[in-house]
Structures are given as structure tokens and as C-alpha cells.
PDB file of N, CA and C in Angstrom:
ATOM      1  N   UNK A   1       0.838  -1.186   0.000  1.00  0.00           N
ATOM      2  CA  UNK A   1       0.000   0.000   0.000  1.00  0.00           C
ATOM      3  C   UNK A   1       0.881   1.248   0.000  1.00  0.00           C
ATOM      4  N   UNK A   2       0.423   2.252  -0.689  1.00  0.00           N
ATOM      5  CA  UNK A   2       1.196   3.486  -0.842  1.00  0.00           C
ATOM      6  C   UNK A   2       0.892   4.476   0.277  1.00  0.00           C
ATOM      7  N   UNK A   3       1.821   5.380   0.510  1.00  0.00           N
ATOM      8  CA  UNK A   3       1.576   6.463   1.468  1.00  0.00           C
ATOM      9  C   UNK A   3       0.425   7.308   0.956  1.00  0.00           C
ATOM     10  N   UNK A   4      -0.197   8.028   1.878  1.00  0.00           N
ATOM     11  CA  UNK A   4      -1.281   8.920   1.482  1.00  0.00           C
ATOM     12  C   UNK A   4      -0.824  10.353   1.625  1.00  0.00           C
ATOM     13  N   UNK A   5      -0.963  11.130   0.561  1.00  0.00           N
ATOM     14  CA  UNK A   5      -0.652  12.557   0.574  1.00  0.00           C
ATOM     15  C   UNK A   5      -1.786  13.285  -0.125  1.00  0.00           C
ATOM     16  N   UNK A   6      -2.326  14.249   0.544  1.00  0.00           N
ATOM     17  CA  UNK A   6      -3.446  15.005  -0.023  1.00  0.00           C
ATOM     18  C   UNK A   6      -3.180  16.496   0.101  1.00  0.00           C
ATOM     19  N   UNK A   7      -3.486  17.226  -0.956  1.00  0.00           N
ATOM     20  CA  UNK A   7      -3.440  18.687  -0.887  1.00  0.00           C
ATOM     21  C   UNK A   7      -4.808  19.139  -0.393  1.00  0.00           C
ATOM     22  N   UNK A   8      -4.794  19.818   0.741  1.00  0.00           N
ATOM     23  CA  UNK A   8      -6.042  20.331   1.292  1.00  0.00           C
ATOM     24  C   UNK A   8      -6.461  21.564   0.505  1.00  0.00           C
ATOM     25  N   UNK A   9      -7.667  21.991   0.678  1.00  0.00           N
ATOM     26  CA  UNK A   9      -8.157  23.150  -0.068  1.00  0.00           C
ATOM     27  C   UNK A   9      -7.241  24.347   0.157  1.00  0.00           C
ATOM     28  N   UNK A  10      -6.891  25.052  -0.922  1.00  0.00           N
ATOM     29  CA  UNK A  10      -6.013  26.214  -0.755  1.00  0.00           C
ATOM     30  C   UNK A  10      -6.724  27.326   0.011  1.00  0.00           C
ATOM     31  N   UNK A  11      -5.940  28.095   0.727  1.00  0.00           N
ATOM     32  CA  UNK A  11      -6.477  29.225   1.463  1.00  0.00           C
ATOM     33  C   UNK A  11      -5.797  30.504   1.030  1.00  0.00           C
ATOM     34  N   UNK A  12      -6.510  31.601   1.169  1.00  0.00           N
ATOM     35  CA  UNK A  12      -5.925  32.909   0.860  1.00  0.00           C
ATOM     36  C   UNK A  12      -5.699  33.636   2.171  1.00  0.00           C
ATOM     37  N   UNK A  13      -4.528  34.248   2.282  1.00  0.00           N
ATOM     38  CA  UNK A  13      -4.148  34.929   3.509  1.00  0.00           C
ATOM     39  C   UNK A  13      -3.834  36.385   3.220  1.00  0.00           C
ATOM     40  N   UNK A  14      -4.172  37.228   4.114  1.00  0.00           N
ATOM     41  CA  UNK A  14      -4.025  38.681   4.052  1.00  0.00           C
ATOM     42  C   UNK A  14      -5.163  39.308   3.252  1.00  0.00           C
ATOM     43  N   UNK A  15      -5.618  40.438   3.695  1.00  0.00           N
ATOM     44  CA  UNK A  15      -6.697  41.130   3.000  1.00  0.00           C
ATOM     45  C   UNK A  15      -6.194  41.817   1.740  1.00  0.00           C
ATOM     46  N   UNK A  16      -5.039  42.483   1.849  1.00  0.00           N
ATOM     47  CA  UNK A  16      -4.481  43.119   0.658  1.00  0.00           C
ATOM     48  C   UNK A  16      -3.269  42.306   0.221  1.00  0.00           C
ATOM     49  N   UNK A  17      -3.029  42.253  -1.060  1.00  0.00           N
ATOM     50  CA  UNK A  17      -1.943  41.461  -1.647  1.00  0.00           C
ATOM     51  C   UNK A  17      -1.955  40.031  -1.090  1.00  0.00           C
ATOM     52  N   UNK A  18      -3.092  39.374  -1.250  1.00  0.00           N
ATOM     53  CA  UNK A  18      -3.271  38.048  -0.663  1.00  0.00           C
ATOM     54  C   UNK A  18      -2.299  37.024  -1.257  1.00  0.00           C
ATOM     55  N   UNK A  19      -2.025  36.014  -0.477  1.00  0.00           N
ATOM     56  CA  UNK A  19      -1.127  34.934  -0.856  1.00  0.00           C
ATOM     57  C   UNK A  19      -1.919  33.638  -0.764  1.00  0.00           C
ATOM     58  N   UNK A  20      -1.867  32.847  -1.831  1.00  0.00           N
ATOM     59  CA  UNK A  20      -2.562  31.567  -1.800  1.00  0.00           C
ATOM     60  C   UNK A  20      -1.599  30.492  -1.295  1.00  0.00           C
ATOM     61  N   UNK A  21      -2.032  29.733  -0.306  1.00  0.00           N
ATOM     62  CA  UNK A  21      -1.223  28.672   0.273  1.00  0.00           C
ATOM     63  C   UNK A  21      -1.929  27.335   0.128  1.00  0.00           C
ATOM     64  N   UNK A  22      -1.157  26.295  -0.124  1.00  0.00           N
ATOM     65  CA  UNK A  22      -1.667  24.932  -0.182  1.00  0.00           C
ATOM     66  C   UNK A  22      -1.061  24.171   0.989  1.00  0.00           C
ATOM     67  N   UNK A  23      -1.860  23.387   1.666  1.00  0.00           N
ATOM     68  CA  UNK A  23      -1.378  22.556   2.761  1.00  0.00           C
ATOM     69  C   UNK A  23      -1.448  21.113   2.303  1.00  0.00           C
ATOM     70  N   UNK A  24      -0.331  20.402   2.424  1.00  0.00           N
ATOM     71  CA  UNK A  24      -0.267  18.993   2.067  1.00  0.00           C
ATOM     72  C   UNK A  24      -0.219  18.192   3.354  1.00  0.00           C
ATOM     73  N   UNK A  25      -1.147  17.279   3.517  1.00  0.00           N
ATOM     74  CA  UNK A  25      -1.148  16.366   4.662  1.00  0.00           C
ATOM     75  C   UNK A  25      -0.665  15.015   4.159  1.00  0.00           C
ATOM     76  N   UNK A  26       0.302  14.425   4.855  1.00  0.00           N
ATOM     77  CA  UNK A  26       0.892  13.173   4.399  1.00  0.00           C
ATOM     78  C   UNK A  26       0.971  12.175   5.555  1.00  0.00           C
ATOM     79  N   UNK A  27       0.615  10.936   5.269  1.00  0.00           N
ATOM     80  CA  UNK A  27       0.718   9.845   6.228  1.00  0.00           C
ATOM     81  C   UNK A  27       1.526   8.731   5.581  1.00  0.00           C
ATOM     82  N   UNK A  28       2.578   8.306   6.250  1.00  0.00           N
ATOM     83  CA  UNK A  28       3.340   7.150   5.778  1.00  0.00           C
ATOM     84  C   UNK A  28       2.722   5.899   6.374  1.00  0.00           C
ATOM     85  N   UNK A  29       2.596   4.886   5.559  1.00  0.00           N
ATOM     86  CA  UNK A  29       2.035   3.626   6.042  1.00  0.00           C
ATOM     87  C   UNK A  29       3.116   2.775   6.686  1.00  0.00           C
ATOM     88  N   UNK A  30       2.679   1.905   7.563  1.00  0.00           N
ATOM     89  CA  UNK A  30       3.534   0.901   8.206  1.00  0.00           C
ATOM     90  C   UNK A  30       4.680   1.494   9.024  1.00  0.00           C
ATOM     91  N   UNK A  31       4.437   2.609   9.671  1.00  0.00           N
ATOM     92  CA  UNK A  31       5.431   3.175  10.586  1.00  0.00           C
ATOM     93  C   UNK A  31       5.185   2.625  11.985  1.00  0.00           C
ATOM     94  N   UNK A  32       6.216   2.610  12.835  1.00  0.00           N
ATOM     95  CA  UNK A  32       5.994   2.222  14.230  1.00  0.00           C
ATOM     96  C   UNK A  32       5.014   3.187  14.896  1.00  0.00           C
ATOM     97  N   UNK A  33       4.334   2.719  15.922  1.00  0.00           N
ATOM     98  CA  UNK A  33       3.298   3.544  16.567  1.00  0.00           C
ATOM     99  C   UNK A  33       3.807   4.901  17.017  1.00  0.00           C
ATOM    100  N   UNK A  34       5.050   4.969  17.530  1.00  0.00           N
ATOM    101  CA  UNK A  34       5.560   6.249  18.034  1.00  0.00           C
ATOM    102  C   UNK A  34       5.831   7.249  16.912  1.00  0.00           C
ATOM    103  N   UNK A  35       5.821   6.796  15.670  1.00  0.00           N
ATOM    104  CA  UNK A  35       6.011   7.704  14.529  1.00  0.00           C
ATOM    105  C   UNK A  35       4.775   7.775  13.637  1.00  0.00           C
ATOM    106  N   UNK A  36       3.689   7.148  14.047  1.00  0.00           N
ATOM    107  CA  UNK A  36       2.483   7.062  13.225  1.00  0.00           C
ATOM    108  C   UNK A  36       1.617   8.304  13.407  1.00  0.00           C
ATOM    109  N   UNK A  37       2.003   9.347  12.695  1.00  0.00           N
ATOM    110  CA  UNK A  37       1.231  10.583  12.737  1.00  0.00           C
ATOM    111  C   UNK A  37       1.422  11.314  11.421  1.00  0.00           C
ATOM    112  N   UNK A  38       0.454  12.135  11.035  1.00  0.00           N
ATOM    113  CA  UNK A  38       0.597  12.877   9.776  1.00  0.00           C
ATOM    114  C   UNK A  38       1.617  13.995   9.924  1.00  0.00           C
ATOM    115  N   UNK A  39       2.148  14.419   8.810  1.00  0.00           N
ATOM    116  CA  UNK A  39       2.972  15.619   8.800  1.00  0.00           C
ATOM    117  C   UNK A  39       2.462  16.516   7.696  1.00  0.00           C
ATOM    118  N   UNK A  40       2.733  17.798   7.822  1.00  0.00           N
ATOM    119  CA  UNK A  40       2.123  18.798   6.949  1.00  0.00           C
ATOM    120  C   UNK A  40       3.188  19.667   6.301  1.00  0.00           C
ATOM    121  N   UNK A  41       2.953  19.987   5.045  1.00  0.00           N
ATOM    122  CA  UNK A  41       3.786  20.933   4.304  1.00  0.00           C
ATOM    123  C   UNK A  41       2.891  22.094   3.888  1.00  0.00           C
ATOM    124  N   UNK A  42       3.435  23.280   3.924  1.00  0.00           N
ATOM    125  CA  UNK A  42       2.699  24.447   3.461  1.00  0.00           C
ATOM    126  C   UNK A  42       3.511  25.097   2.358  1.00  0.00           C
ATOM    127  N   UNK A  43       2.870  25.370   1.229  1.00  0.00           N
ATOM    128  CA  UNK A  43       3.583  25.893   0.069  1.00  0.00           C
ATOM    129  C   UNK A  43       2.672  26.767  -0.771  1.00  0.00           C
ATOM    130  N   UNK A  44       3.292  27.560  -1.626  1.00  0.00           N
ATOM    131  CA  UNK A  44       2.506  28.331  -2.597  1.00  0.00           C
ATOM    132  C   UNK A  44       2.513  27.641  -3.956  1.00  0.00           C
ATOM    133  N   UNK A  45       3.177  26.480  -4.056  1.00  0.00           N
ATOM    134  CA  UNK A  45       3.194  25.717  -5.305  1.00  0.00           C
ATOM    135  C   UNK A  45       1.898  24.929  -5.440  1.00  0.00           C
ATOM    136  N   UNK A  46       1.312  24.911  -6.610  1.00  0.00           N
ATOM    137  CA  UNK A  46       0.048  24.219  -6.832  1.00  0.00           C
ATOM    138  C   UNK A  46       0.227  22.838  -7.429  1.00  0.00           C
ATOM    139  N   UNK A  47       1.180  22.078  -6.930  1.00  0.00           N
ATOM    140  CA  UNK A  47       1.456  20.748  -7.475  1.00  0.00           C
ATOM    141  C   UNK A  47       0.686  19.680  -6.716  1.00  0.00           C
ATOM    142  N   UNK A  48       0.795  18.432  -7.192  1.00  0.00           N
ATOM    143  CA  UNK A  48       0.147  17.320  -6.507  1.00  0.00           C
ATOM    144  C   UNK A  48       0.850  17.057  -5.175  1.00  0.00           C
ATOM    145  N   UNK A  49       0.150  16.410  -4.267  1.00  0.00           N
ATOM    146  CA  UNK A  49       0.721  16.088  -2.974  1.00  0.00           C
ATOM    147  C   UNK A  49       1.973  15.241  -3.102  1.00  0.00           C
ATOM    148  N   UNK A  50       1.939  14.235  -3.953  1.00  0.00           N
ATOM    149  CA  UNK A  50       3.086  13.341  -4.135  1.00  0.00           C
ATOM    150  C   UNK A  50       4.294  14.110  -4.649  1.00  0.00           C
ATOM    151  N   UNK A  51       4.086  15.001  -5.627  1.00  0.00           N
ATOM    152  CA  UNK A  51       5.183  15.788  -6.208  1.00  0.00           C
ATOM    153  C   UNK A  51       5.793  16.723  -5.153  1.00  0.00           C
ATOM    154  N   UNK A  52       4.950  17.338  -4.335  1.00  0.00           N
ATOM    155  CA  UNK A  52       5.439  18.239  -3.293  1.00  0.00           C
ATOM    156  C   UNK A  52       6.253  17.483  -2.245  1.00  0.00           C
ATOM    157  N   UNK A  53       5.820  16.283  -1.886  1.00  0.00           N
ATOM    158  CA  UNK A  53       6.544  15.480  -0.905  1.00  0.00           C
ATOM    159  C   UNK A  53       7.896  15.056  -1.471  1.00  0.00           C
ATOM    160  N   UNK A  54       7.945  14.685  -2.753  1.00  0.00           N
ATOM    161  CA  UNK A  54       9.220  14.326  -3.391  1.00  0.00           C
ATOM    162  C   UNK A  54      10.179  15.516  -3.388  1.00  0.00           C
ATOM    163  N   UNK A  55       9.666  16.699  -3.738  1.00  0.00           N
ATOM    164  CA  UNK A  55      10.489  17.904  -3.754  1.00  0.00           C
ATOM    165  C   UNK A  55      11.016  18.222  -2.351  1.00  0.00           C
ATOM    166  N   UNK A  56      10.152  18.136  -1.354  1.00  0.00           N
ATOM    167  CA  UNK A  56      10.553  18.405   0.019  1.00  0.00           C
ATOM    168  C   UNK A  56      11.616  17.400   0.475  1.00  0.00           C
ATOM    169  N   UNK A  57      11.448  16.134   0.090  1.00  0.00           N
ATOM    170  CA  UNK A  57      12.431  15.110   0.434  1.00  0.00           C
ATOM    171  C   UNK A  57      13.800  15.420  -0.142  1.00  0.00           C
ATOM    172  N   UNK A  58      13.827  15.880  -1.397  1.00  0.00           N
ATOM    173  CA  UNK A  58      15.101  16.258  -2.023  1.00  0.00           C
ATOM    174  C   UNK A  58      15.740  17.429  -1.282  1.00  0.00           C
ATOM    175  N   UNK A  59      14.919  18.399  -0.912  1.00  0.00           N
ATOM    176  CA  UNK A  59      15.433  19.566  -0.191  1.00  0.00           C
ATOM    177  C   UNK A  59      16.047  19.148   1.143  1.00  0.00           C
ATOM    178  N   UNK A  60      15.366  18.272   1.876  1.00  0.00           N
ATOM    179  CA  UNK A  60      15.875  17.839   3.171  1.00  0.00           C
ATOM    180  C   UNK A  60      17.172  17.056   3.017  1.00  0.00           C
ATOM    181  N   UNK A  61      17.295  16.266   1.954  1.00  0.00           N
ATOM    182  CA  UNK A  61      18.539  15.531   1.696  1.00  0.00           C
ATOM    183  C   UNK A  61      19.683  16.510   1.474  1.00  0.00           C
ATOM    184  N   UNK A  62      19.440  17.538   0.676  1.00  0.00           N
ATOM    185  CA  UNK A  62      20.470  18.553   0.405  1.00  0.00           C
ATOM    186  C   UNK A  62      20.871  19.254   1.701  1.00  0.00           C
ATOM    187  N   UNK A  63      19.887  19.650   2.515  1.00  0.00           N
ATOM    188  CA  UNK A  63      20.199  20.341   3.770  1.00  0.00           C
ATOM    189  C   UNK A  63      20.985  19.450   4.720  1.00  0.00           C
ATOM    190  N   UNK A  64      20.662  18.159   4.772  1.00  0.00           N
ATOM    191  CA  UNK A  64      21.418  17.230   5.618  1.00  0.00           C
ATOM    192  C   UNK A  64      22.860  17.129   5.150  1.00  0.00           C
ATOM    193  N   UNK A  65      23.056  17.021   3.849  1.00  0.00           N
ATOM    194  CA  UNK A  65      24.419  16.901   3.317  1.00  0.00           C
ATOM    195  C   UNK A  65      25.238  18.162   3.574  1.00  0.00           C
ATOM    196  N   UNK A  66      24.612  19.306   3.457  1.00  0.00           N
ATOM    197  CA  UNK A  66      25.314  20.560   3.761  1.00  0.00           C
ATOM    198  C   UNK A  66      25.709  20.579   5.230  1.00  0.00           C
ATOM    199  N   UNK A  67      24.789  20.175   6.100  1.00  0.00           N
ATOM    200  CA  UNK A  67      25.089  20.131   7.529  1.00  0.00           C
ATOM    201  C   UNK A  67      26.217  19.164   7.839  1.00  0.00           C
ATOM    202  N   UNK A  68      26.232  18.011   7.184  1.00  0.00           N
ATOM    203  CA  UNK A  68      27.293  17.026   7.401  1.00  0.00           C
ATOM    204  C   UNK A  68      28.629  17.553   6.889  1.00  0.00           C
ATOM    205  N   UNK A  69      28.591  18.280   5.796  1.00  0.00           N
ATOM    206  CA  UNK A  69      29.831  18.833   5.243  1.00  0.00           C
ATOM    207  C   UNK A  69      30.373  19.948   6.140  1.00  0.00           C
ATOM    208  N   UNK A  70      29.503  20.688   6.791  1.00  0.00           N
ATOM    209  CA  UNK A  70      29.926  21.785   7.656  1.00  0.00           C
ATOM    210  C   UNK A  70      30.422  21.295   9.000  1.00  0.00           C
ATOM    211  N   UNK A  71      29.947  20.165   9.471  1.00  0.00           N
ATOM    212  CA  UNK A  71      30.310  19.690  10.807  1.00  0.00           C
ATOM    213  C   UNK A  71      31.817  19.551  10.994  1.00  0.00           C
ATOM    214  N   UNK A  72      32.557  18.920  10.077  1.00  0.00           N
ATOM    215  CA  UNK A  72      34.008  18.826  10.283  1.00  0.00           C
ATOM    216  C   UNK A  72      34.679  20.196  10.377  1.00  0.00           C
ATOM    217  N   UNK A  73      34.187  21.158   9.630  1.00  0.00           N
ATOM    218  CA  UNK A  73      34.754  22.503   9.688  1.00  0.00           C
ATOM    219  C   UNK A  73      34.532  23.124  11.062  1.00  0.00           C
ATOM    220  N   UNK A  74      33.398  22.873  11.657  1.00  0.00           N
ATOM    221  CA  UNK A  74      33.115  23.436  12.984  1.00  0.00           C
ATOM    222  C   UNK A  74      34.001  22.810  14.046  1.00  0.00           C
ATOM    223  N   UNK A  75      34.352  21.529  13.905  1.00  0.00           N
ATOM    224  CA  UNK A  75      35.188  20.883  14.921  1.00  0.00           C
ATOM    225  C   UNK A  75      36.646  21.289  14.784  1.00  0.00           C
ATOM    226  N   UNK A  76      37.076  21.741  13.607  1.00  0.00           N
ATOM    227  CA  UNK A  76      38.463  22.152  13.407  1.00  0.00           C
ATOM    228  C   UNK A  76      38.702  23.608  13.777  1.00  0.00           C
ATOM    229  N   UNK A  77      37.647  24.385  13.870  1.00  0.00           N
ATOM    230  CA  UNK A  77      37.763  25.814  14.161  1.00  0.00           C
ATOM    231  C   UNK A  77      38.279  26.024  15.583  1.00  0.00           C
ATOM    232  N   UNK A  78      39.287  26.896  15.762  1.00  0.00           N
ATOM    233  CA  UNK A  78      39.775  27.152  17.123  1.00  0.00           C
ATOM    234  C   UNK A  78      38.685  27.794  17.961  1.00  0.00           C
ATOM    235  N   UNK A  79      38.620  27.412  19.189  1.00  0.00           N
ATOM    236  CA  UNK A  79      37.605  27.953  20.094  1.00  0.00           C
ATOM    237  C   UNK A  79      38.206  29.019  20.985  1.00  0.00           C
ATOM    238  N   UNK A  80      37.447  30.066  21.220  1.00  0.00           N
ATOM    239  CA  UNK A  80      37.901  31.137  22.093  1.00  0.00           C
ATOM    240  C   UNK A  80      37.694  30.681  23.534  1.00  0.00           C
ATOM    241  N   UNK A  81      38.733  30.696  24.314  1.00  0.00           N
ATOM    242  CA  UNK A  81      38.636  30.198  25.681  1.00  0.00           C
ATOM    243  C   UNK A  81      38.274  31.284  26.692  1.00  0.00           C
ATOM    244  N   UNK A  82      38.235  32.504  26.220  1.00  0.00           N
ATOM    245  CA  UNK A  82      37.884  33.590  27.137  1.00  0.00           C
ATOM    246  C   UNK A  82      39.076  33.956  28.027  1.00  0.00           C
ATOM    247  N   UNK A  83      38.864  34.909  28.890  1.00  0.00           N
ATOM    248  CA  UNK A  83      39.911  35.210  29.860  1.00  0.00           C
ATOM    249  C   UNK A  83      40.677  36.362  29.481  1.00  0.00           C
TER     250      UNK A  83
END
């Protein structure tokens, strides 16, 4: 069975110069009970729920890799000891 991702009805925010937002609700199947809950994405892109989740997944992978690449640099940086 596939995960469920649905784009909820778009909403408009602000009275002047309104912004249309789409909320994607996603549930992964067969997760352990402690992780069995929906998660939500909010975007101004009008794509399908599945496409938005794929895009978000790619973004998170990139951010993780950047963080991993930066970590060694942070450990090599001299620390100010004060005093």
C-alpha cells in the first residue's frame, strides 16, 4: 500500500496582496506507533501532494548533506577560551 498525501483546499491569507497557500497532509504507512502521525507541508506551489513530498524530500537531503559537510569545519575551528 502506498503512502497517502493530499493537498487540502487552498487558502488565501491577508486582506491586501493576498497569498494563496496549499497545505499537504501526508501519512506514511507501516510506521511504528511512536512515529504514526501525519505531517504537513505548506507551500505556494500548486502541485500534486506526491510531487510536493518528493520535492521536500530532495530539499531535506540537500540540507542534511550541507550540515554534514559543515560539521568537520566546525570541529576544526579554534575555540575562544575567554579570559
